[in-house]
Amino acid sequence: MPHDSITPNLLLQAYASGVFPMAEGRDDDELFWVDPDARGIIPLDRFHVPKSLAKLVRQEKFDVKIDTAFRDVVNACSMPARGRETTWISERIEELYTDLFSRGFAHSVECWLEGELVGGLYGVSLAGAFFGESMFHTKTNASKVALVYLVGRLKAGGYTLLDTQFITTHLQQFGTQEISRLDYHQRLEKALTHTTADFQRLSPWASGESVLQLITQTS
């Protein structure tokens, strides 16, 4: 689809319908829609935090911030990394999601170390659904810590669906499940009725311990 035919409003409608865009490469002007037969999700009430990661979160090695460097996170996610020589995050996609961010529909969770952005993730927020797009790290476990803080924030905010799009080896350790397209669309429809969900409900200064307590709370 020509890049100029996709607007931020159309993008939000696509997410509400269960599809998302991708590009073939960083410089690709064309985008295509994806609606996988099998979808990856992380059940928020069964998110698993490995003991070593929980210890790291409690130590608060990283300064975790919300929405302070959204475009930098997207750009970092588009860079080549081990096992990923190419990217589906084109410059047009970066522009579209930055526009969604300016409208309050996209967010970043960032890990900083000594003033340097060393890991994070970003995604789209729509009612009670959060669509995780991508994550990166330049310091060990930084993206994992960002994910823990994301889940704590989603639980505090009243979300019911965390969409990971696909299952990866990296995500399996956290309890990611693969569900059918039909099951996903049913869960999405229900999540979109939770219009009071609020990404900002959790304080940006929440401690690692309080985030872990949120995660272990039953709904």
C-alpha atoms as a PDB file:
ATOM      1  CA  MET A   1       0.000   0.000   0.000  1.00  0.00           C
ATOM      2  CA  PRO A   2       1.427   3.431  -0.893  1.00  0.00           C
ATOM      3  CA  HIS A   3       2.778   5.095   2.239  1.00  0.00           C
ATOM      4  CA  ASP A   4       0.829   8.298   1.732  1.00  0.00           C
ATOM      5  CA  SER A   5      -2.503   6.434   1.864  1.00  0.00           C
ATOM      6  CA  ILE A   6      -1.965   5.339   5.476  1.00  0.00           C
ATOM      7  CA  THR A   7      -2.872   7.984   8.021  1.00  0.00           C
ATOM      8  CA  PRO A   8      -2.666   7.813  11.830  1.00  0.00           C
ATOM      9  CA  ASN A   9      -6.460   7.503  11.990  1.00  0.00           C
ATOM     10  CA  LEU A  10      -6.421   4.608   9.532  1.00  0.00           C
ATOM     11  CA  LEU A  11      -3.667   3.001  11.584  1.00  0.00           C
ATOM     12  CA  LEU A  12      -5.801   3.138  14.724  1.00  0.00           C
ATOM     13  CA  GLN A  13      -8.749   1.641  12.826  1.00  0.00           C
ATOM     14  CA  ALA A  14      -6.472  -1.168  11.654  1.00  0.00           C
ATOM     15  CA  TYR A  15      -5.359  -1.983  15.191  1.00  0.00           C
ATOM     16  CA  ALA A  16      -8.975  -1.995  16.342  1.00  0.00           C
ATOM     17  CA  SER A  17      -9.651  -4.498  13.551  1.00  0.00           C
ATOM     18  CA  GLY A  18      -6.730  -6.730  14.559  1.00  0.00           C
ATOM     19  CA  VAL A  19      -4.212  -5.903  11.822  1.00  0.00           C
ATOM     20  CA  PHE A  20      -0.932  -3.996  11.830  1.00  0.00           C
ATOM     21  CA  PRO A  21       1.494  -2.663   9.196  1.00  0.00           C
ATOM     22  CA  MET A  22       5.013  -3.749   8.298  1.00  0.00           C
ATOM     23  CA  ALA A  23       7.595  -2.781   5.699  1.00  0.00           C
ATOM     24  CA  GLU A  24      10.174  -4.880   3.866  1.00  0.00           C
ATOM     25  CA  GLY A  25      13.046  -2.646   4.951  1.00  0.00           C
ATOM     26  CA  ARG A  26      14.122   0.652   6.455  1.00  0.00           C
ATOM     27  CA  ASP A  27      14.001   2.514   3.124  1.00  0.00           C
ATOM     28  CA  ASP A  28      10.870   0.819   1.787  1.00  0.00           C
ATOM     29  CA  ASP A  29       8.070   3.250   0.929  1.00  0.00           C
ATOM     30  CA  GLU A  30       5.455   0.490   0.704  1.00  0.00           C
ATOM     31  CA  LEU A  31       3.622  -0.889   3.726  1.00  0.00           C
ATOM     32  CA  PHE A  32       1.537  -4.046   3.982  1.00  0.00           C
ATOM     33  CA  TRP A  33      -1.055  -5.207   6.487  1.00  0.00           C
ATOM     34  CA  VAL A  34      -0.545  -8.298   8.638  1.00  0.00           C
ATOM     35  CA  ASP A  35      -3.245 -10.396  10.337  1.00  0.00           C
ATOM     36  CA  PRO A  36      -1.451 -13.590  11.436  1.00  0.00           C
ATOM     37  CA  ASP A  37      -3.193 -16.962  11.641  1.00  0.00           C
ATOM     38  CA  ALA A  38      -1.584 -17.358  15.076  1.00  0.00           C
ATOM     39  CA  ARG A  39      -1.009 -14.439  17.427  1.00  0.00           C
ATOM     40  CA  GLY A  40       1.333 -14.012  20.374  1.00  0.00           C
ATOM     41  CA  ILE A  41      -0.013 -12.531  23.609  1.00  0.00           C
ATOM     42  CA  ILE A  42       1.263 -12.221  27.159  1.00  0.00           C
ATOM     43  CA  PRO A  43      -1.547 -12.932  29.652  1.00  0.00           C
ATOM     44  CA  LEU A  44      -1.230 -10.083  32.136  1.00  0.00           C
ATOM     45  CA  ASP A  45      -2.429 -12.240  35.030  1.00  0.00           C
ATOM     46  CA  ARG A  46       0.166 -14.939  34.300  1.00  0.00           C
ATOM     47  CA  PHE A  47       3.235 -12.901  33.404  1.00  0.00           C
ATOM     48  CA  HIS A  48       6.336 -14.744  34.598  1.00  0.00           C
ATOM     49  CA  VAL A  49       9.320 -12.830  35.961  1.00  0.00           C
ATOM     50  CA  PRO A  50      12.440 -15.024  36.305  1.00  0.00           C
ATOM     51  CA  LYS A  51      14.047 -14.753  39.754  1.00  0.00           C
ATOM     52  CA  SER A  52      17.260 -13.234  38.427  1.00  0.00           C
ATOM     53  CA  LEU A  53      15.299 -10.587  36.555  1.00  0.00           C
ATOM     54  CA  ALA A  54      13.165  -9.792  39.605  1.00  0.00           C
ATOM     55  CA  LYS A  55      16.372  -9.267  41.580  1.00  0.00           C
ATOM     56  CA  LEU A  56      17.639  -6.864  38.914  1.00  0.00           C
ATOM     57  CA  VAL A  57      14.353  -4.938  38.948  1.00  0.00           C
ATOM     58  CA  ARG A  58      14.566  -4.547  42.726  1.00  0.00           C
ATOM     59  CA  GLN A  59      18.153  -3.315  42.461  1.00  0.00           C
ATOM     60  CA  GLU A  60      16.944  -0.505  40.162  1.00  0.00           C
ATOM     61  CA  LYS A  61      20.163  -0.544  38.162  1.00  0.00           C
ATOM     62  CA  PHE A  62      18.360   1.255  35.333  1.00  0.00           C
ATOM     63  CA  ASP A  63      16.494   4.527  35.545  1.00  0.00           C
ATOM     64  CA  VAL A  64      13.150   3.589  33.971  1.00  0.00           C
ATOM     65  CA  LYS A  65      11.267   6.414  32.288  1.00  0.00           C
ATOM     66  CA  ILE A  66       8.031   6.686  30.352  1.00  0.00           C
ATOM     67  CA  ASP A  67       7.529   8.631  27.107  1.00  0.00           C
ATOM     68  CA  THR A  68      10.615  10.831  27.375  1.00  0.00           C
ATOM     69  CA  ALA A  69      12.406   9.621  24.233  1.00  0.00           C
ATOM     70  CA  PHE A  70       9.782   7.893  22.089  1.00  0.00           C
ATOM     71  CA  ARG A  71      11.323   8.549  18.694  1.00  0.00           C
ATOM     72  CA  ASP A  72      14.770   7.555  19.940  1.00  0.00           C
ATOM     73  CA  VAL A  73      13.340   4.216  21.084  1.00  0.00           C
ATOM     74  CA  VAL A  74      11.668   3.572  17.719  1.00  0.00           C
ATOM     75  CA  ASN A  75      14.858   4.501  15.897  1.00  0.00           C
ATOM     76  CA  ALA A  76      16.937   2.217  18.132  1.00  0.00           C
ATOM     77  CA  CYS A  77      14.498  -0.636  17.499  1.00  0.00           C
ATOM     78  CA  SER A  78      15.040  -0.185  13.749  1.00  0.00           C
ATOM     79  CA  MET A  79      18.803  -0.646  13.975  1.00  0.00           C
ATOM     80  CA  PRO A  80      20.445  -3.982  13.030  1.00  0.00           C
ATOM     81  CA  ALA A  81      21.058  -6.276  15.979  1.00  0.00           C
ATOM     82  CA  ARG A  82      22.319  -9.794  16.584  1.00  0.00           C
ATOM     83  CA  GLY A  83      20.056 -12.157  14.679  1.00  0.00           C
ATOM     84  CA  ARG A  84      18.300  -9.248  12.951  1.00  0.00           C
ATOM     85  CA  GLU A  85      20.158  -7.791  10.000  1.00  0.00           C
ATOM     86  CA  THR A  86      17.121  -6.102   8.459  1.00  0.00           C
ATOM     87  CA  THR A  87      14.157  -4.245   9.915  1.00  0.00           C
ATOM     88  CA  TRP A  88      10.458  -3.908   9.206  1.00  0.00           C
ATOM     89  CA  ILE A  89      10.460  -0.457  10.843  1.00  0.00           C
ATOM     90  CA  SER A  90      10.714   1.867   7.884  1.00  0.00           C
ATOM     91  CA  GLU A  91      11.134   5.621   8.090  1.00  0.00           C
ATOM     92  CA  ARG A  92       7.440   5.988   7.220  1.00  0.00           C
ATOM     93  CA  ILE A  93       6.461   3.673  10.074  1.00  0.00           C
ATOM     94  CA  GLU A  94       8.630   5.733  12.419  1.00  0.00           C
ATOM     95  CA  GLU A  95       6.797   8.869  11.300  1.00  0.00           C
ATOM     96  CA  LEU A  96       3.355   7.290  11.711  1.00  0.00           C
ATOM     97  CA  TYR A  97       4.006   6.002  15.221  1.00  0.00           C
ATOM     98  CA  THR A  98       5.602   9.253  16.297  1.00  0.00           C
ATOM     99  CA  ASP A  99       2.394  10.940  15.165  1.00  0.00           C
ATOM    100  CA  LEU A 100       0.373   8.456  17.233  1.00  0.00           C
ATOM    101  CA  PHE A 101       2.633   9.235  20.179  1.00  0.00           C
ATOM    102  CA  SER A 102       1.928  12.954  19.839  1.00  0.00           C
ATOM    103  CA  ARG A 103      -1.789  12.112  20.000  1.00  0.00           C
ATOM    104  CA  GLY A 104      -1.407   9.948  23.102  1.00  0.00           C
ATOM    105  CA  PHE A 105      -1.965   6.589  21.384  1.00  0.00           C
ATOM    106  CA  ALA A 106       1.612   5.301  21.482  1.00  0.00           C
ATOM    107  CA  HIS A 107       4.061   5.017  24.367  1.00  0.00           C
ATOM    108  CA  SER A 108       7.624   4.079  25.169  1.00  0.00           C
ATOM    109  CA  VAL A 109       9.176   2.492  28.240  1.00  0.00           C
ATOM    110  CA  GLU A 110      12.843   3.413  28.451  1.00  0.00           C
ATOM    111  CA  CYS A 111      15.816   2.163  30.461  1.00  0.00           C
ATOM    112  CA  TRP A 112      18.568   4.690  31.075  1.00  0.00           C
ATOM    113  CA  LEU A 113      22.022   4.122  32.563  1.00  0.00           C
ATOM    114  CA  GLU A 114      24.200   7.069  33.520  1.00  0.00           C
ATOM    115  CA  GLY A 115      22.180   9.350  31.259  1.00  0.00           C
ATOM    116  CA  GLU A 116      22.315   7.040  28.238  1.00  0.00           C
ATOM    117  CA  LEU A 117      19.320   5.279  26.675  1.00  0.00           C
ATOM    118  CA  VAL A 118      20.324   1.604  26.833  1.00  0.00           C
ATOM    119  CA  GLY A 119      17.069  -0.254  26.249  1.00  0.00           C
ATOM    120  CA  GLY A 120      13.352   0.044  25.860  1.00  0.00           C
ATOM    121  CA  LEU A 121      10.218  -0.780  23.978  1.00  0.00           C
ATOM    122  CA  TYR A 122       7.306   0.960  22.316  1.00  0.00           C
ATOM    123  CA  GLY A 123       3.761   0.135  21.325  1.00  0.00           C
ATOM    124  CA  VAL A 124       0.250   1.349  20.634  1.00  0.00           C
ATOM    125  CA  SER A 125      -2.411   1.837  23.300  1.00  0.00           C
ATOM    126  CA  LEU A 126      -6.089   1.594  22.449  1.00  0.00           C
ATOM    127  CA  ALA A 127      -8.685   1.309  25.227  1.00  0.00           C
ATOM    128  CA  GLY A 128      -7.733  -1.821  27.240  1.00  0.00           C
ATOM    129  CA  ALA A 129      -5.331  -3.220  24.633  1.00  0.00           C
ATOM    130  CA  PHE A 130      -1.622  -2.571  24.281  1.00  0.00           C
ATOM    131  CA  PHE A 131       0.066  -3.656  21.072  1.00  0.00           C
ATOM    132  CA  GLY A 132       3.760  -4.190  21.657  1.00  0.00           C
ATOM    133  CA  GLU A 133       5.719  -3.269  18.550  1.00  0.00           C
ATOM    134  CA  SER A 134       9.423  -3.720  19.201  1.00  0.00           C
ATOM    135  CA  MET A 135      12.143  -3.592  21.837  1.00  0.00           C
ATOM    136  CA  PHE A 136      15.903  -3.095  21.921  1.00  0.00           C
ATOM    137  CA  HIS A 137      18.829  -3.141  24.307  1.00  0.00           C
ATOM    138  CA  THR A 138      22.476  -2.144  24.295  1.00  0.00           C
ATOM    139  CA  LYS A 139      23.006  -3.273  27.890  1.00  0.00           C
ATOM    140  CA  THR A 140      22.174  -6.781  29.080  1.00  0.00           C
ATOM    141  CA  ASN A 141      18.589  -7.235  30.325  1.00  0.00           C
ATOM    142  CA  ALA A 142      17.574  -3.612  29.722  1.00  0.00           C
ATOM    143  CA  SER A 143      14.713  -4.550  27.393  1.00  0.00           C
ATOM    144  CA  LYS A 144      13.558  -7.234  29.842  1.00  0.00           C
ATOM    145  CA  VAL A 145      13.371  -4.687  32.652  1.00  0.00           C
ATOM    146  CA  ALA A 146      11.370  -2.389  30.348  1.00  0.00           C
ATOM    147  CA  LEU A 147       8.926  -5.229  29.712  1.00  0.00           C
ATOM    148  CA  VAL A 148       8.462  -5.846  33.438  1.00  0.00           C
ATOM    149  CA  TYR A 149       7.685  -2.170  33.975  1.00  0.00           C
ATOM    150  CA  LEU A 150       5.294  -2.230  31.007  1.00  0.00           C
ATOM    151  CA  VAL A 151       3.312  -5.133  32.450  1.00  0.00           C
ATOM    152  CA  GLY A 152       3.126  -3.483  35.860  1.00  0.00           C
ATOM    153  CA  ARG A 153       1.890  -0.288  34.219  1.00  0.00           C
ATOM    154  CA  LEU A 154      -0.732  -2.144  32.169  1.00  0.00           C
ATOM    155  CA  LYS A 155      -2.038  -3.964  35.237  1.00  0.00           C
ATOM    156  CA  ALA A 156      -2.228  -0.721  37.186  1.00  0.00           C
ATOM    157  CA  GLY A 157      -3.981   0.956  34.276  1.00  0.00           C
ATOM    158  CA  GLY A 158      -6.730  -1.625  33.858  1.00  0.00           C
ATOM    159  CA  TYR A 159      -5.603  -3.191  30.576  1.00  0.00           C
ATOM    160  CA  THR A 160      -6.694  -6.708  29.641  1.00  0.00           C
ATOM    161  CA  LEU A 161      -4.673  -7.496  26.492  1.00  0.00           C
ATOM    162  CA  LEU A 162      -0.945  -7.339  25.749  1.00  0.00           C
ATOM    163  CA  ASP A 163      -0.395  -8.244  22.115  1.00  0.00           C
ATOM    164  CA  THR A 164       3.143  -9.308  21.150  1.00  0.00           C
ATOM    165  CA  GLN A 165       2.134 -10.031  17.529  1.00  0.00           C
ATOM    166  CA  PHE A 166       4.418 -13.063  17.263  1.00  0.00           C
ATOM    167  CA  ILE A 167       6.090 -15.462  19.691  1.00  0.00           C
ATOM    168  CA  THR A 168       9.863 -15.240  19.979  1.00  0.00           C
ATOM    169  CA  THR A 169      12.339 -17.248  22.040  1.00  0.00           C
ATOM    170  CA  HIS A 170      13.082 -14.046  23.934  1.00  0.00           C
ATOM    171  CA  LEU A 171       9.424 -13.632  24.933  1.00  0.00           C
ATOM    172  CA  GLN A 172       8.641 -17.277  25.740  1.00  0.00           C
ATOM    173  CA  GLN A 173      10.350 -17.047  29.142  1.00  0.00           C
ATOM    174  CA  PHE A 174       7.701 -14.554  30.254  1.00  0.00           C
ATOM    175  CA  GLY A 175       4.720 -16.806  29.592  1.00  0.00           C
ATOM    176  CA  THR A 176       3.847 -15.719  26.064  1.00  0.00           C
ATOM    177  CA  GLN A 177       1.034 -17.766  24.521  1.00  0.00           C
ATOM    178  CA  GLU A 178       0.143 -18.394  20.910  1.00  0.00           C
ATOM    179  CA  ILE A 179      -3.577 -18.191  20.194  1.00  0.00           C
ATOM    180  CA  SER A 180      -5.688 -18.461  17.076  1.00  0.00           C
ATOM    181  CA  ARG A 181      -6.758 -15.478  15.021  1.00  0.00           C
ATOM    182  CA  LEU A 182     -10.367 -16.019  16.120  1.00  0.00           C
ATOM    183  CA  ASP A 183      -9.427 -16.166  19.797  1.00  0.00           C
ATOM    184  CA  TYR A 184      -7.321 -13.032  19.405  1.00  0.00           C
ATOM    185  CA  HIS A 185     -10.090 -11.068  17.726  1.00  0.00           C
ATOM    186  CA  GLN A 186     -12.502 -12.055  20.490  1.00  0.00           C
ATOM    187  CA  ARG A 187     -10.067 -10.916  23.183  1.00  0.00           C
ATOM    188  CA  LEU A 188      -9.393  -7.714  21.286  1.00  0.00           C
ATOM    189  CA  GLU A 189     -13.093  -6.934  20.972  1.00  0.00           C
ATOM    190  CA  LYS A 190     -13.482  -7.341  24.731  1.00  0.00           C
ATOM    191  CA  ALA A 191     -10.380  -5.249  25.499  1.00  0.00           C
ATOM    192  CA  LEU A 192     -11.669  -2.384  23.380  1.00  0.00           C
ATOM    193  CA  THR A 193     -14.682  -2.060  25.696  1.00  0.00           C
ATOM    194  CA  HIS A 194     -12.352  -1.126  28.588  1.00  0.00           C
ATOM    195  CA  THR A 195     -12.389   2.543  27.704  1.00  0.00           C
ATOM    196  CA  THR A 196     -11.282   3.684  31.154  1.00  0.00           C
ATOM    197  CA  ALA A 197      -7.875   1.982  30.874  1.00  0.00           C
ATOM    198  CA  ASP A 198      -5.136   4.525  31.522  1.00  0.00           C
ATOM    199  CA  PHE A 199      -1.461   4.072  30.641  1.00  0.00           C
ATOM    200  CA  GLN A 200      -0.489   6.949  32.924  1.00  0.00           C
ATOM    201  CA  ARG A 201      -2.246   5.708  36.061  1.00  0.00           C
ATOM    202  CA  LEU A 202       0.949   4.319  37.530  1.00  0.00           C
ATOM    203  CA  SER A 203       3.357   6.958  38.813  1.00  0.00           C
ATOM    204  CA  PRO A 204       6.433   7.413  36.587  1.00  0.00           C
ATOM    205  CA  TRP A 205       8.482   7.192  39.790  1.00  0.00           C
ATOM    206  CA  ALA A 206       7.118   3.788  40.815  1.00  0.00           C
ATOM    207  CA  SER A 207       9.794   1.631  42.430  1.00  0.00           C
ATOM    208  CA  GLY A 208      10.868  -1.725  41.092  1.00  0.00           C
ATOM    209  CA  GLU A 209       9.428  -3.418  44.162  1.00  0.00           C
ATOM    210  CA  SER A 210       6.014  -1.798  43.682  1.00  0.00           C
ATOM    211  CA  VAL A 211       5.970  -2.808  40.021  1.00  0.00           C
ATOM    212  CA  LEU A 212       6.714  -6.420  40.946  1.00  0.00           C
ATOM    213  CA  GLN A 213       3.928  -6.332  43.547  1.00  0.00           C
ATOM    214  CA  LEU A 214       1.476  -5.139  40.892  1.00  0.00           C
ATOM    215  CA  ILE A 215       2.464  -8.019  38.635  1.00  0.00           C
ATOM    216  CA  THR A 216       1.889 -10.651  41.319  1.00  0.00           C
ATOM    217  CA  GLN A 217      -1.513  -9.279  42.271  1.00  0.00           C
ATOM    218  CA  THR A 218      -4.430 -11.329  41.015  1.00  0.00           C
ATOM    219  CA  SER A 219      -7.070  -9.546  38.996  1.00  0.00           C
END
